[in-house]
Amino acid sequence: MSDSEIQIHRIFISATPERVWAAVTSAEFSRLYGYAGDVDYDLRAGGHFEHRAGEDMKAVGMPDVVVTGEVLEADPPRRLVQTWAPVWIEDEEPGTLTWEIEPSAQARSV
């Protein structure tokens, strides 16, 4: 991906913004719904982020920590901006990942 390339993915989840925030930032949810490994966030600007490998990932030779980054902005439960650097890709600048969490009209009416 080039430096100027931007990808936008929009996902609709039947949950409150607070529940989605917890799913993104907590180890409990990342084990269940992510890549089966724990995430760890220091949710303040300049804070550290890492995603640790689950047992299946370790079984295929992945290291204990598979993604690292820095929290650039945290506004729970609405917005999280972080860098994202997979350790298996060498000599590449970290990408920026932005989570914008908004209640949908459908979720508000439920």
PDB file of N, CA and C in Angstrom:
ATOM      1  N   MET A   1       0.844  -1.168   0.000  1.00  0.00           N
ATOM      2  CA  MET A   1       0.000   0.000   0.000  1.00  0.00           C
ATOM      3  C   MET A   1       0.893   1.235   0.000  1.00  0.00           C
ATOM      4  N   SER A   2       0.565   2.196  -0.828  1.00  0.00           N
ATOM      5  CA  SER A   2       1.376   3.408  -0.884  1.00  0.00           C
ATOM      6  C   SER A   2       1.031   4.336   0.278  1.00  0.00           C
ATOM      7  N   ASP A   3       1.935   5.306   0.531  1.00  0.00           N
ATOM      8  CA  ASP A   3       1.727   6.250   1.632  1.00  0.00           C
ATOM      9  C   ASP A   3       0.439   7.050   1.478  1.00  0.00           C
ATOM     10  N   SER A   4       0.017   7.270   0.244  1.00  0.00           N
ATOM     11  CA  SER A   4      -1.160   8.107   0.032  1.00  0.00           C
ATOM     12  C   SER A   4      -2.445   7.290  -0.083  1.00  0.00           C
ATOM     13  N   GLU A   5      -2.355   5.981   0.007  1.00  0.00           N
ATOM     14  CA  GLU A   5      -3.547   5.146  -0.120  1.00  0.00           C
ATOM     15  C   GLU A   5      -4.329   5.109   1.194  1.00  0.00           C
ATOM     16  N   ILE A   6      -5.616   5.270   1.074  1.00  0.00           N
ATOM     17  CA  ILE A   6      -6.502   5.223   2.224  1.00  0.00           C
ATOM     18  C   ILE A   6      -7.551   4.157   1.968  1.00  0.00           C
ATOM     19  N   GLN A   7      -7.791   3.332   2.961  1.00  0.00           N
ATOM     20  CA  GLN A   7      -8.850   2.338   2.893  1.00  0.00           C
ATOM     21  C   GLN A   7      -9.877   2.675   3.956  1.00  0.00           C
ATOM     22  N   ILE A   8     -11.142   2.623   3.580  1.00  0.00           N
ATOM     23  CA  ILE A   8     -12.223   2.873   4.524  1.00  0.00           C
ATOM     24  C   ILE A   8     -13.121   1.651   4.541  1.00  0.00           C
ATOM     25  N   HIS A   9     -13.346   1.143   5.737  1.00  0.00           N
ATOM     26  CA  HIS A   9     -14.239   0.003   5.917  1.00  0.00           C
ATOM     27  C   HIS A   9     -15.336   0.444   6.879  1.00  0.00           C
ATOM     28  N   ARG A  10     -16.566   0.267   6.496  1.00  0.00           N
ATOM     29  CA  ARG A  10     -17.692   0.636   7.347  1.00  0.00           C
ATOM     30  C   ARG A  10     -18.396  -0.647   7.764  1.00  0.00           C
ATOM     31  N   ILE A  11     -18.549  -0.819   9.066  1.00  0.00           N
ATOM     32  CA  ILE A  11     -19.169  -2.014   9.611  1.00  0.00           C
ATOM     33  C   ILE A  11     -20.321  -1.585  10.505  1.00  0.00           C
ATOM     34  N   PHE A  12     -21.454  -2.223  10.355  1.00  0.00           N
ATOM     35  CA  PHE A  12     -22.605  -1.939  11.199  1.00  0.00           C
ATOM     36  C   PHE A  12     -22.758  -3.070  12.205  1.00  0.00           C
ATOM     37  N   ILE A  13     -22.750  -2.714  13.479  1.00  0.00           N
ATOM     38  CA  ILE A  13     -22.809  -3.691  14.558  1.00  0.00           C
ATOM     39  C   ILE A  13     -23.988  -3.332  15.455  1.00  0.00           C
ATOM     40  N   SER A  14     -24.774  -4.310  15.786  1.00  0.00           N
ATOM     41  CA  SER A  14     -25.925  -4.087  16.654  1.00  0.00           C
ATOM     42  C   SER A  14     -25.456  -4.053  18.112  1.00  0.00           C
ATOM     43  N   ALA A  15     -24.873  -2.927  18.481  1.00  0.00           N
ATOM     44  CA  ALA A  15     -24.351  -2.744  19.841  1.00  0.00           C
ATOM     45  C   ALA A  15     -24.191  -1.254  20.092  1.00  0.00           C
ATOM     46  N   THR A  16     -24.119  -0.888  21.347  1.00  0.00           N
ATOM     47  CA  THR A  16     -23.904   0.513  21.704  1.00  0.00           C
ATOM     48  C   THR A  16     -22.448   0.899  21.405  1.00  0.00           C
ATOM     49  N   PRO A  17     -22.171   2.196  21.244  1.00  0.00           N
ATOM     50  CA  PRO A  17     -20.778   2.622  21.073  1.00  0.00           C
ATOM     51  C   PRO A  17     -19.883   2.156  22.223  1.00  0.00           C
ATOM     52  N   GLU A  18     -20.408   2.155  23.440  1.00  0.00           N
ATOM     53  CA  GLU A  18     -19.618   1.722  24.595  1.00  0.00           C
ATOM     54  C   GLU A  18     -19.222   0.247  24.465  1.00  0.00           C
ATOM     55  N   ARG A  19     -20.129  -0.567  23.989  1.00  0.00           N
ATOM     56  CA  ARG A  19     -19.850  -2.005  23.824  1.00  0.00           C
ATOM     57  C   ARG A  19     -18.839  -2.233  22.692  1.00  0.00           C
ATOM     58  N   VAL A  20     -18.966  -1.474  21.606  1.00  0.00           N
ATOM     59  CA  VAL A  20     -18.004  -1.590  20.501  1.00  0.00           C
ATOM     60  C   VAL A  20     -16.622  -1.138  20.973  1.00  0.00           C
ATOM     61  N   TRP A  21     -16.567  -0.030  21.721  1.00  0.00           N
ATOM     62  CA  TRP A  21     -15.291   0.453  22.260  1.00  0.00           C
ATOM     63  C   TRP A  21     -14.627  -0.639  23.090  1.00  0.00           C
ATOM     64  N   ALA A  22     -15.401  -1.276  23.950  1.00  0.00           N
ATOM     65  CA  ALA A  22     -14.862  -2.358  24.782  1.00  0.00           C
ATOM     66  C   ALA A  22     -14.355  -3.509  23.919  1.00  0.00           C
ATOM     67  N   ALA A  23     -15.067  -3.806  22.845  1.00  0.00           N
ATOM     68  CA  ALA A  23     -14.640  -4.895  21.966  1.00  0.00           C
ATOM     69  C   ALA A  23     -13.314  -4.578  21.281  1.00  0.00           C
ATOM     70  N   VAL A  24     -13.119  -3.326  20.913  1.00  0.00           N
ATOM     71  CA  VAL A  24     -11.879  -2.921  20.237  1.00  0.00           C
ATOM     72  C   VAL A  24     -10.705  -2.891  21.212  1.00  0.00           C
ATOM     73  N   THR A  25     -10.942  -2.424  22.427  1.00  0.00           N
ATOM     74  CA  THR A  25      -9.825  -2.102  23.319  1.00  0.00           C
ATOM     75  C   THR A  25      -9.577  -3.089  24.450  1.00  0.00           C
ATOM     76  N   SER A  26     -10.382  -4.111  24.594  1.00  0.00           N
ATOM     77  CA  SER A  26     -10.180  -5.033  25.718  1.00  0.00           C
ATOM     78  C   SER A  26      -9.661  -6.394  25.257  1.00  0.00           C
ATOM     79  N   ALA A  27      -8.799  -6.973  26.061  1.00  0.00           N
ATOM     80  CA  ALA A  27      -8.233  -8.297  25.755  1.00  0.00           C
ATOM     81  C   ALA A  27      -9.329  -9.350  25.704  1.00  0.00           C
ATOM     82  N   GLU A  28     -10.294  -9.258  26.592  1.00  0.00           N
ATOM     83  CA  GLU A  28     -11.375 -10.247  26.632  1.00  0.00           C
ATOM     84  C   GLU A  28     -12.083 -10.350  25.283  1.00  0.00           C
ATOM     85  N   PHE A  29     -12.461  -9.203  24.717  1.00  0.00           N
ATOM     86  CA  PHE A  29     -13.160  -9.223  23.443  1.00  0.00           C
ATOM     87  C   PHE A  29     -12.231  -9.559  22.284  1.00  0.00           C
ATOM     88  N   SER A  30     -10.990  -9.096  22.313  1.00  0.00           N
ATOM     89  CA  SER A  30     -10.084  -9.381  21.195  1.00  0.00           C
ATOM     90  C   SER A  30      -9.821 -10.883  21.084  1.00  0.00           C
ATOM     91  N   ARG A  31      -9.789 -11.568  22.211  1.00  0.00           N
ATOM     92  CA  ARG A  31      -9.637 -13.029  22.183  1.00  0.00           C
ATOM     93  C   ARG A  31     -10.822 -13.692  21.495  1.00  0.00           C
ATOM     94  N   LEU A  32     -12.014 -13.158  21.730  1.00  0.00           N
ATOM     95  CA  LEU A  32     -13.227 -13.758  21.172  1.00  0.00           C
ATOM     96  C   LEU A  32     -13.482 -13.362  19.720  1.00  0.00           C
ATOM     97  N   TYR A  33     -13.261 -12.096  19.377  1.00  0.00           N
ATOM     98  CA  TYR A  33     -13.691 -11.579  18.088  1.00  0.00           C
ATOM     99  C   TYR A  33     -12.569 -11.076  17.195  1.00  0.00           C
ATOM    100  N   GLY A  34     -11.367 -10.982  17.709  1.00  0.00           N
ATOM    101  CA  GLY A  34     -10.241 -10.495  16.911  1.00  0.00           C
ATOM    102  C   GLY A  34      -9.468 -11.662  16.336  1.00  0.00           C
ATOM    103  N   TYR A  35      -8.171 -11.638  16.506  1.00  0.00           N
ATOM    104  CA  TYR A  35      -7.304 -12.692  15.991  1.00  0.00           C
ATOM    105  C   TYR A  35      -6.900 -13.668  17.079  1.00  0.00           C
ATOM    106  N   ALA A  36      -7.752 -13.822  18.077  1.00  0.00           N
ATOM    107  CA  ALA A  36      -7.574 -14.793  19.165  1.00  0.00           C
ATOM    108  C   ALA A  36      -6.417 -14.463  20.099  1.00  0.00           C
ATOM    109  N   GLY A  37      -5.852 -13.292  19.978  1.00  0.00           N
ATOM    110  CA  GLY A  37      -4.804 -12.869  20.907  1.00  0.00           C
ATOM    111  C   GLY A  37      -5.261 -11.653  21.680  1.00  0.00           C
ATOM    112  N   ASP A  38      -4.555 -11.333  22.724  1.00  0.00           N
ATOM    113  CA  ASP A  38      -4.912 -10.193  23.571  1.00  0.00           C
ATOM    114  C   ASP A  38      -4.392  -8.883  23.006  1.00  0.00           C
ATOM    115  N   VAL A  39      -5.202  -7.839  23.128  1.00  0.00           N
ATOM    116  CA  VAL A  39      -4.719  -6.486  22.856  1.00  0.00           C
ATOM    117  C   VAL A  39      -4.458  -5.807  24.184  1.00  0.00           C
ATOM    118  N   ASP A  40      -3.544  -4.859  24.167  1.00  0.00           N
ATOM    119  CA  ASP A  40      -3.246  -4.081  25.363  1.00  0.00           C
ATOM    120  C   ASP A  40      -3.068  -2.631  24.926  1.00  0.00           C
ATOM    121  N   TYR A  41      -3.910  -1.759  25.455  1.00  0.00           N
ATOM    122  CA  TYR A  41      -3.874  -0.340  25.124  1.00  0.00           C
ATOM    123  C   TYR A  41      -3.584   0.482  26.366  1.00  0.00           C
ATOM    124  N   ASP A  42      -2.720   1.476  26.224  1.00  0.00           N
ATOM    125  CA  ASP A  42      -2.600   2.563  27.180  1.00  0.00           C
ATOM    126  C   ASP A  42      -3.357   3.707  26.513  1.00  0.00           C
ATOM    127  N   LEU A  43      -4.608   3.892  26.898  1.00  0.00           N
ATOM    128  CA  LEU A  43      -5.533   4.752  26.166  1.00  0.00           C
ATOM    129  C   LEU A  43      -5.363   6.232  26.500  1.00  0.00           C
ATOM    130  N   ARG A  44      -4.189   6.741  26.169  1.00  0.00           N
ATOM    131  CA  ARG A  44      -3.915   8.176  26.257  1.00  0.00           C
ATOM    132  C   ARG A  44      -2.981   8.505  25.108  1.00  0.00           C
ATOM    133  N   ALA A  45      -2.993   9.763  24.672  1.00  0.00           N
ATOM    134  CA  ALA A  45      -2.100  10.166  23.589  1.00  0.00           C
ATOM    135  C   ALA A  45      -0.663   9.834  23.968  1.00  0.00           C
ATOM    136  N   GLY A  46       0.035   9.142  23.106  1.00  0.00           N
ATOM    137  CA  GLY A  46       1.399   8.707  23.369  1.00  0.00           C
ATOM    138  C   GLY A  46       1.477   7.340  24.023  1.00  0.00           C
ATOM    139  N   GLY A  47       0.320   6.770  24.365  1.00  0.00           N
ATOM    140  CA  GLY A  47       0.291   5.456  25.006  1.00  0.00           C
ATOM    141  C   GLY A  47       0.668   4.332  24.054  1.00  0.00           C
ATOM    142  N   HIS A  48       1.097   3.228  24.616  1.00  0.00           N
ATOM    143  CA  HIS A  48       1.553   2.068  23.852  1.00  0.00           C
ATOM    144  C   HIS A  48       0.375   1.152  23.514  1.00  0.00           C
ATOM    145  N   PHE A  49       0.447   0.522  22.349  1.00  0.00           N
ATOM    146  CA  PHE A  49      -0.507  -0.499  21.920  1.00  0.00           C
ATOM    147  C   PHE A  49       0.273  -1.726  21.505  1.00  0.00           C
ATOM    148  N   GLU A  50      -0.234  -2.897  21.866  1.00  0.00           N
ATOM    149  CA  GLU A  50       0.320  -4.119  21.294  1.00  0.00           C
ATOM    150  C   GLU A  50      -0.752  -5.185  21.227  1.00  0.00           C
ATOM    151  N   HIS A  51      -0.586  -6.034  20.234  1.00  0.00           N
ATOM    152  CA  HIS A  51      -1.451  -7.198  20.061  1.00  0.00           C
ATOM    153  C   HIS A  51      -0.558  -8.427  20.185  1.00  0.00           C
ATOM    154  N   ARG A  52      -0.876  -9.235  21.180  1.00  0.00           N
ATOM    155  CA  ARG A  52      -0.087 -10.440  21.433  1.00  0.00           C
ATOM    156  C   ARG A  52      -0.689 -11.625  20.689  1.00  0.00           C
ATOM    157  N   ALA A  53       0.156 -12.523  20.263  1.00  0.00           N
ATOM    158  CA  ALA A  53      -0.268 -13.692  19.496  1.00  0.00           C
ATOM    159  C   ALA A  53      -1.045 -14.663  20.369  1.00  0.00           C
ATOM    160  N   GLY A  54      -2.091 -15.231  19.784  1.00  0.00           N
ATOM    161  CA  GLY A  54      -2.801 -16.330  20.424  1.00  0.00           C
ATOM    162  C   GLY A  54      -2.041 -17.631  20.180  1.00  0.00           C
ATOM    163  N   GLU A  55      -2.499 -18.690  20.791  1.00  0.00           N
ATOM    164  CA  GLU A  55      -1.807 -19.981  20.676  1.00  0.00           C
ATOM    165  C   GLU A  55      -1.750 -20.477  19.236  1.00  0.00           C
ATOM    166  N   ASP A  56      -2.810 -20.284  18.452  1.00  0.00           N
ATOM    167  CA  ASP A  56      -2.797 -20.713  17.045  1.00  0.00           C
ATOM    168  C   ASP A  56      -1.746 -19.957  16.243  1.00  0.00           C
ATOM    169  N   MET A  57      -1.587 -18.676  16.535  1.00  0.00           N
ATOM    170  CA  MET A  57      -0.583 -17.878  15.826  1.00  0.00           C
ATOM    171  C   MET A  57       0.825 -18.328  16.218  1.00  0.00           C
ATOM    172  N   LYS A  58       1.025 -18.592  17.508  1.00  0.00           N
ATOM    173  CA  LYS A  58       2.335 -19.057  17.967  1.00  0.00           C
ATOM    174  C   LYS A  58       2.678 -20.413  17.366  1.00  0.00           C
ATOM    175  N   ALA A  59       1.657 -21.248  17.160  1.00  0.00           N
ATOM    176  CA  ALA A  59       1.881 -22.581  16.605  1.00  0.00           C
ATOM    177  C   ALA A  59       2.436 -22.541  15.184  1.00  0.00           C
ATOM    178  N   VAL A  60       2.204 -21.444  14.468  1.00  0.00           N
ATOM    179  CA  VAL A  60       2.747 -21.316  13.110  1.00  0.00           C
ATOM    180  C   VAL A  60       3.983 -20.421  13.075  1.00  0.00           C
ATOM    181  N   GLY A  61       4.554 -20.157  14.267  1.00  0.00           N
ATOM    182  CA  GLY A  61       5.832 -19.462  14.317  1.00  0.00           C
ATOM    183  C   GLY A  61       5.785 -17.963  14.542  1.00  0.00           C
ATOM    184  N   MET A  62       4.607 -17.413  14.825  1.00  0.00           N
ATOM    185  CA  MET A  62       4.537 -15.977  15.074  1.00  0.00           C
ATOM    186  C   MET A  62       5.145 -15.667  16.448  1.00  0.00           C
ATOM    187  N   PRO A  63       5.737 -14.492  16.610  1.00  0.00           N
ATOM    188  CA  PRO A  63       6.315 -14.113  17.907  1.00  0.00           C
ATOM    189  C   PRO A  63       5.213 -13.784  18.915  1.00  0.00           C
ATOM    190  N   ASP A  64       5.606 -13.589  20.160  1.00  0.00           N
ATOM    191  CA  ASP A  64       4.627 -13.278  21.207  1.00  0.00           C
ATOM    192  C   ASP A  64       3.844 -12.002  20.913  1.00  0.00           C
ATOM    193  N   VAL A  65       4.519 -10.961  20.429  1.00  0.00           N
ATOM    194  CA  VAL A  65       3.858  -9.706  20.070  1.00  0.00           C
ATOM    195  C   VAL A  65       3.865  -9.605  18.550  1.00  0.00           C
ATOM    196  N   VAL A  66       2.665  -9.462  17.947  1.00  0.00           N
ATOM    197  CA  VAL A  66       2.574  -9.457  16.491  1.00  0.00           C
ATOM    198  C   VAL A  66       2.322  -8.070  15.894  1.00  0.00           C
ATOM    199  N   VAL A  67       1.743  -7.176  16.675  1.00  0.00           N
ATOM    200  CA  VAL A  67       1.505  -5.818  16.193  1.00  0.00           C
ATOM    201  C   VAL A  67       1.800  -4.851  17.340  1.00  0.00           C
ATOM    202  N   THR A  68       2.496  -3.770  17.025  1.00  0.00           N
ATOM    203  CA  THR A  68       2.755  -2.725  18.014  1.00  0.00           C
ATOM    204  C   THR A  68       2.268  -1.394  17.462  1.00  0.00           C
ATOM    205  N   GLY A  69       2.143  -0.433  18.337  1.00  0.00           N
ATOM    206  CA  GLY A  69       1.734   0.884  17.883  1.00  0.00           C
ATOM    207  C   GLY A  69       1.694   1.876  19.016  1.00  0.00           C
ATOM    208  N   GLU A  70       1.233   3.060  18.673  1.00  0.00           N
ATOM    209  CA  GLU A  70       1.113   4.153  19.627  1.00  0.00           C
ATOM    210  C   GLU A  70      -0.286   4.741  19.514  1.00  0.00           C
ATOM    211  N   VAL A  71      -0.897   5.029  20.634  1.00  0.00           N
ATOM    212  CA  VAL A  71      -2.189   5.702  20.643  1.00  0.00           C
ATOM    213  C   VAL A  71      -1.932   7.187  20.358  1.00  0.00           C
ATOM    214  N   LEU A  72      -2.556   7.680  19.314  1.00  0.00           N
ATOM    215  CA  LEU A  72      -2.398   9.084  18.948  1.00  0.00           C
ATOM    216  C   LEU A  72      -3.522   9.932  19.521  1.00  0.00           C
ATOM    217  N   GLU A  73      -4.708   9.331  19.643  1.00  0.00           N
ATOM    218  CA  GLU A  73      -5.880  10.052  20.129  1.00  0.00           C
ATOM    219  C   GLU A  73      -6.866   9.031  20.688  1.00  0.00           C
ATOM    220  N   ALA A  74      -7.453   9.311  21.828  1.00  0.00           N
ATOM    221  CA  ALA A  74      -8.477   8.438  22.408  1.00  0.00           C
ATOM    222  C   ALA A  74      -9.590   9.292  22.984  1.00  0.00           C
ATOM    223  N   ASP A  75     -10.792   9.078  22.478  1.00  0.00           N
ATOM    224  CA  ASP A  75     -11.981   9.788  22.939  1.00  0.00           C
ATOM    225  C   ASP A  75     -13.097   8.760  23.123  1.00  0.00           C
ATOM    226  N   PRO A  76     -13.028   7.990  24.232  1.00  0.00           N
ATOM    227  CA  PRO A  76     -13.997   6.914  24.437  1.00  0.00           C
ATOM    228  C   PRO A  76     -15.427   7.446  24.549  1.00  0.00           C
ATOM    229  N   PRO A  77     -16.407   6.782  24.013  1.00  0.00           N
ATOM    230  CA  PRO A  77     -16.339   5.614  23.139  1.00  0.00           C
ATOM    231  C   PRO A  77     -16.484   5.977  21.671  1.00  0.00           C
ATOM    232  N   ARG A  78     -16.015   7.142  21.265  1.00  0.00           N
ATOM    233  CA  ARG A  78     -16.271   7.624  19.913  1.00  0.00           C
ATOM    234  C   ARG A  78     -15.118   7.490  18.928  1.00  0.00           C
ATOM    235  N   ARG A  79     -13.902   7.690  19.378  1.00  0.00           N
ATOM    236  CA  ARG A  79     -12.805   7.773  18.405  1.00  0.00           C
ATOM    237  C   ARG A  79     -11.503   7.282  19.024  1.00  0.00           C
ATOM    238  N   LEU A  80     -10.813   6.464  18.248  1.00  0.00           N
ATOM    239  CA  LEU A  80      -9.488   5.980  18.628  1.00  0.00           C
ATOM    240  C   LEU A  80      -8.608   6.055  17.394  1.00  0.00           C
ATOM    241  N   VAL A  81      -7.491   6.750  17.508  1.00  0.00           N
ATOM    242  CA  VAL A  81      -6.521   6.847  16.416  1.00  0.00           C
ATOM    243  C   VAL A  81      -5.214   6.276  16.939  1.00  0.00           C
ATOM    244  N   GLN A  82      -4.632   5.374  16.174  1.00  0.00           N
ATOM    245  CA  GLN A  82      -3.413   4.712  16.606  1.00  0.00           C
ATOM    246  C   GLN A  82      -2.537   4.389  15.411  1.00  0.00           C
ATOM    247  N   THR A  83      -1.254   4.182  15.688  1.00  0.00           N
ATOM    248  CA  THR A  83      -0.402   3.609  14.658  1.00  0.00           C
ATOM    249  C   THR A  83      -0.517   2.099  14.766  1.00  0.00           C
ATOM    250  N   TRP A  84      -0.175   1.414  13.694  1.00  0.00           N
ATOM    251  CA  TRP A  84      -0.337  -0.039  13.615  1.00  0.00           C
ATOM    252  C   TRP A  84       0.837  -0.576  12.802  1.00  0.00           C
ATOM    253  N   ALA A  85       1.691  -1.358  13.446  1.00  0.00           N
ATOM    254  CA  ALA A  85       2.890  -1.867  12.775  1.00  0.00           C
ATOM    255  C   ALA A  85       3.018  -3.371  13.013  1.00  0.00           C
ATOM    256  N   PRO A  86       2.665  -4.194  12.016  1.00  0.00           N
ATOM    257  CA  PRO A  86       2.853  -5.638  12.155  1.00  0.00           C
ATOM    258  C   PRO A  86       4.341  -5.972  12.168  1.00  0.00           C
ATOM    259  N   VAL A  87       4.757  -6.791  13.111  1.00  0.00           N
ATOM    260  CA  VAL A  87       6.183  -7.061  13.283  1.00  0.00           C
ATOM    261  C   VAL A  87       6.756  -7.916  12.158  1.00  0.00           C
ATOM    262  N   TRP A  88       5.929  -8.615  11.408  1.00  0.00           N
ATOM    263  CA  TRP A  88       6.433  -9.481  10.352  1.00  0.00           C
ATOM    264  C   TRP A  88       6.735  -8.718   9.059  1.00  0.00           C
ATOM    265  N   ILE A  89       6.399  -7.433   9.004  1.00  0.00           N
ATOM    266  CA  ILE A  89       6.724  -6.606   7.837  1.00  0.00           C
ATOM    267  C   ILE A  89       7.875  -5.694   8.230  1.00  0.00           C
ATOM    268  N   GLU A  90       9.040  -5.954   7.692  1.00  0.00           N
ATOM    269  CA  GLU A  90      10.230  -5.177   8.039  1.00  0.00           C
ATOM    270  C   GLU A  90      10.369  -3.954   7.140  1.00  0.00           C
ATOM    271  N   ASP A  91      11.036  -2.939   7.650  1.00  0.00           N
ATOM    272  CA  ASP A  91      11.388  -1.734   6.894  1.00  0.00           C
ATOM    273  C   ASP A  91      10.174  -1.021   6.294  1.00  0.00           C
ATOM    274  N   GLU A  92       9.076  -1.019   7.000  1.00  0.00           N
ATOM    275  CA  GLU A  92       7.907  -0.284   6.544  1.00  0.00           C
ATOM    276  C   GLU A  92       7.422   0.605   7.676  1.00  0.00           C
ATOM    277  N   GLU A  93       7.075   1.811   7.339  1.00  0.00           N
ATOM    278  CA  GLU A  93       6.549   2.744   8.337  1.00  0.00           C
ATOM    279  C   GLU A  93       5.203   2.233   8.843  1.00  0.00           C
ATOM    280  N   PRO A  94       4.900   2.459  10.116  1.00  0.00           N
ATOM    281  CA  PRO A  94       3.593   2.047  10.634  1.00  0.00           C
ATOM    282  C   PRO A  94       2.461   2.778   9.921  1.00  0.00           C
ATOM    283  N   GLY A  95       1.347   2.092   9.775  1.00  0.00           N
ATOM    284  CA  GLY A  95       0.149   2.720   9.240  1.00  0.00           C
ATOM    285  C   GLY A  95      -0.609   3.397  10.365  1.00  0.00           C
ATOM    286  N   THR A  96      -1.602   4.165   9.996  1.00  0.00           N
ATOM    287  CA  THR A  96      -2.481   4.790  10.979  1.00  0.00           C
ATOM    288  C   THR A  96      -3.853   4.159  10.856  1.00  0.00           C
ATOM    289  N   LEU A  97      -4.399   3.767  11.980  1.00  0.00           N
ATOM    290  CA  LEU A  97      -5.708   3.133  12.046  1.00  0.00           C
ATOM    291  C   LEU A  97      -6.616   4.043  12.867  1.00  0.00           C
ATOM    292  N   THR A  98      -7.752   4.408  12.292  1.00  0.00           N
ATOM    293  CA  THR A  98      -8.707   5.275  12.977  1.00  0.00           C
ATOM    294  C   THR A  98     -10.020   4.537  13.140  1.00  0.00           C
ATOM    295  N   TRP A  99     -10.474   4.451  14.379  1.00  0.00           N
ATOM    296  CA  TRP A  99     -11.778   3.873  14.698  1.00  0.00           C
ATOM    297  C   TRP A  99     -12.723   5.040  14.987  1.00  0.00           C
ATOM    298  N   GLU A 100     -13.772   5.192  14.193  1.00  0.00           N
ATOM    299  CA  GLU A 100     -14.805   6.193  14.453  1.00  0.00           C
ATOM    300  C   GLU A 100     -16.081   5.429  14.739  1.00  0.00           C
ATOM    301  N   ILE A 101     -16.547   5.516  15.961  1.00  0.00           N
ATOM    302  CA  ILE A 101     -17.672   4.714  16.424  1.00  0.00           C
ATOM    303  C   ILE A 101     -18.870   5.632  16.626  1.00  0.00           C
ATOM    304  N   GLU A 102     -19.935   5.371  15.878  1.00  0.00           N
ATOM    305  CA  GLU A 102     -21.135   6.187  15.945  1.00  0.00           C
ATOM    306  C   GLU A 102     -22.349   5.276  16.090  1.00  0.00           C
ATOM    307  N   PRO A 103     -23.326   5.694  16.880  1.00  0.00           N
ATOM    308  CA  PRO A 103     -24.551   4.905  16.911  1.00  0.00           C
ATOM    309  C   PRO A 103     -25.290   5.088  15.577  1.00  0.00           C
ATOM    310  N   SER A 104     -25.824   4.015  15.057  1.00  0.00           N
ATOM    311  CA  SER A 104     -26.589   4.120  13.816  1.00  0.00           C
ATOM    312  C   SER A 104     -28.032   4.456  14.152  1.00  0.00           C
ATOM    313  N   ALA A 105     -28.768   4.927  13.187  1.00  0.00           N
ATOM    314  CA  ALA A 105     -30.180   5.248  13.404  1.00  0.00           C
ATOM    315  C   ALA A 105     -30.925   4.005  13.849  1.00  0.00           C
ATOM    316  N   GLN A 106     -30.595   2.858  13.284  1.00  0.00           N
ATOM    317  CA  GLN A 106     -31.249   1.611  13.649  1.00  0.00           C
ATOM    318  C   GLN A 106     -30.947   1.258  15.103  1.00  0.00           C
ATOM    319  N   ALA A 107     -29.688   1.399  15.525  1.00  0.00           N
ATOM    320  CA  ALA A 107     -29.306   1.071  16.902  1.00  0.00           C
ATOM    321  C   ALA A 107     -29.992   2.006  17.890  1.00  0.00           C
ATOM    322  N   ARG A 108     -30.181   3.270  17.507  1.00  0.00           N
ATOM    323  CA  ARG A 108     -30.824   4.236  18.402  1.00  0.00           C
ATOM    324  C   ARG A 108     -32.302   3.900  18.600  1.00  0.00           C
ATOM    325  N   SER A 109     -32.905   3.258  17.598  1.00  0.00           N
ATOM    326  CA  SER A 109     -34.332   2.981  17.702  1.00  0.00           C
ATOM    327  C   SER A 109     -34.629   1.665  18.403  1.00  0.00           C
ATOM    328  N   VAL A 110     -33.604   0.870  18.675  1.00  0.00           N
ATOM    329  CA  VAL A 110     -33.812  -0.430  19.313  1.00  0.00           C
ATOM    330  C   VAL A 110     -33.963  -0.280  20.807  1.00  0.00           C
TER     331      VAL A 110
END
